[in-house]
Amino acid sequence: MLTKCANPHCPAKFHYFHEGRLFVFEAKLDASMRGPPAHPDYVGSLHSPQYFWLCSSCCSAMTVQPNGDHGVTVVRRQGMPRKVFMMADRTPVAA
């Protein structure tokens, strides 16, 4: 479940889909971690979607990319100059 912005420096909380931008990545799970079907850790699919959200302030200058560890990295969008912008709570952050 989404609770806050994927940017670790941003305190914005997720409330509505129409605010910010939602990202969906299919995580490829290691087959050795699946276990037998009767085991409680069994994962029925090798692919499971993971959802990440950037608030309106962050998605104007940043995007998320999969980092290979079943997570994401928040990066500056291509072509965006390095600058300081204000977060939703008025905290300045370098992007």
Protein backbone atom coordinates (compact mmCIF):
# COMPACT_ATOMS: atom_id res chain seq x y z
CA MET A 1 0.00 0.00 0.00
CA LEU A 2 1.23 3.46 -0.85
CA THR A 3 1.60 5.78 2.10
CA LYS A 4 4.01 8.54 1.09
CA CYS A 5 6.06 10.01 -1.71
CA ALA A 6 8.84 7.73 -3.03
CA ASN A 7 11.30 10.60 -2.56
CA PRO A 8 12.83 9.83 0.86
CA HIS A 9 13.32 13.56 1.54
CA CYS A 10 9.66 14.40 0.92
CA PRO A 11 7.10 14.11 3.73
CA ALA A 12 4.04 14.28 1.39
CA LYS A 13 1.45 11.60 2.14
CA PHE A 14 -0.49 9.77 -0.56
CA HIS A 15 -4.22 10.54 -0.54
CA TYR A 16 -5.53 10.63 -4.13
CA PHE A 17 -4.49 9.14 -7.47
CA HIS A 18 -5.03 12.47 -9.27
CA GLU A 19 -2.24 14.13 -7.25
CA GLY A 20 1.31 13.41 -8.38
CA ARG A 21 2.29 10.42 -10.50
CA LEU A 22 2.00 6.67 -9.91
CA PHE A 23 4.71 4.29 -11.18
CA VAL A 24 4.26 0.54 -11.57
CA PHE A 25 7.20 -1.85 -11.89
CA GLU A 26 7.09 -5.62 -12.26
CA ALA A 27 9.54 -7.13 -9.79
CA LYS A 28 11.17 -10.31 -11.05
CA LEU A 29 11.48 -12.65 -8.10
CA ASP A 30 14.31 -15.14 -7.89
CA ALA A 31 12.95 -18.65 -8.55
CA SER A 32 15.15 -20.05 -5.76
CA MET A 33 13.21 -17.89 -3.26
CA ARG A 34 9.84 -19.29 -4.31
CA GLY A 35 9.82 -22.59 -2.41
CA PRO A 36 7.33 -25.41 -3.00
CA PRO A 37 3.64 -24.51 -3.60
CA ALA A 38 2.59 -25.79 -0.16
CA HIS A 39 5.18 -23.62 1.62
CA PRO A 40 3.87 -20.35 3.20
CA ASP A 41 6.56 -18.33 1.39
CA TYR A 42 5.43 -19.60 -2.02
CA VAL A 43 4.98 -16.90 -4.60
CA GLY A 44 2.60 -18.01 -7.33
CA SER A 45 4.13 -15.78 -9.99
CA LEU A 46 7.64 -14.77 -10.93
CA HIS A 47 6.33 -11.24 -11.51
CA SER A 48 4.53 -9.10 -8.96
CA PRO A 49 3.69 -5.44 -9.52
CA GLN A 50 5.12 -2.87 -7.13
CA TYR A 51 3.67 0.64 -6.94
CA PHE A 52 5.52 3.86 -6.18
CA TRP A 53 4.16 7.39 -6.08
CA LEU A 54 5.77 10.81 -6.45
CA CYS A 55 3.84 13.83 -5.18
CA SER A 56 3.05 16.76 -7.49
CA SER A 57 6.08 18.74 -6.30
CA CYS A 58 8.55 15.89 -6.78
CA CYS A 59 7.24 14.56 -10.09
CA SER A 60 7.76 17.95 -11.74
CA ALA A 61 11.54 17.52 -11.48
CA MET A 62 12.10 13.84 -10.64
CA THR A 63 11.22 10.33 -11.75
CA VAL A 64 11.74 6.84 -10.35
CA GLN A 65 13.82 4.04 -11.84
CA PRO A 66 14.06 0.42 -10.72
CA ASN A 67 17.33 -0.21 -8.87
CA GLY A 68 17.46 -3.99 -9.22
CA ASP A 69 16.91 -4.69 -5.51
CA HIS A 70 13.09 -4.84 -5.75
CA GLY A 71 13.02 -1.11 -5.03
CA VAL A 72 13.45 2.18 -6.82
CA THR A 73 15.81 5.11 -6.97
CA VAL A 74 14.49 8.66 -7.26
CA VAL A 75 16.46 10.57 -9.91
CA ARG A 76 16.33 13.98 -11.54
CA ARG A 77 14.38 13.87 -14.82
CA GLN A 78 16.48 14.03 -17.96
CA GLY A 79 16.94 17.58 -19.16
CA MET A 80 15.99 19.14 -15.83
CA PRO A 81 18.60 21.60 -14.57
CA ARG A 82 19.95 21.05 -11.09
CA LYS A 83 18.08 23.48 -8.90
CA VAL A 84 16.46 23.91 -5.54
CA PHE A 85 12.68 23.64 -5.43
CA MET A 86 10.10 23.74 -2.68
CA MET A 87 8.43 20.60 -1.36
CA ALA A 88 4.74 20.54 -0.45
CA ASP A 89 5.64 21.48 3.13
CA ARG A 90 7.79 24.40 1.85
CA THR A 91 11.10 22.59 2.58
CA PRO A 92 13.78 23.44 -0.01
CA VAL A 93 15.35 20.39 -1.71
CA ALA A 94 18.06 20.19 -4.36
CA ALA A 95 16.97 18.24 -7.42
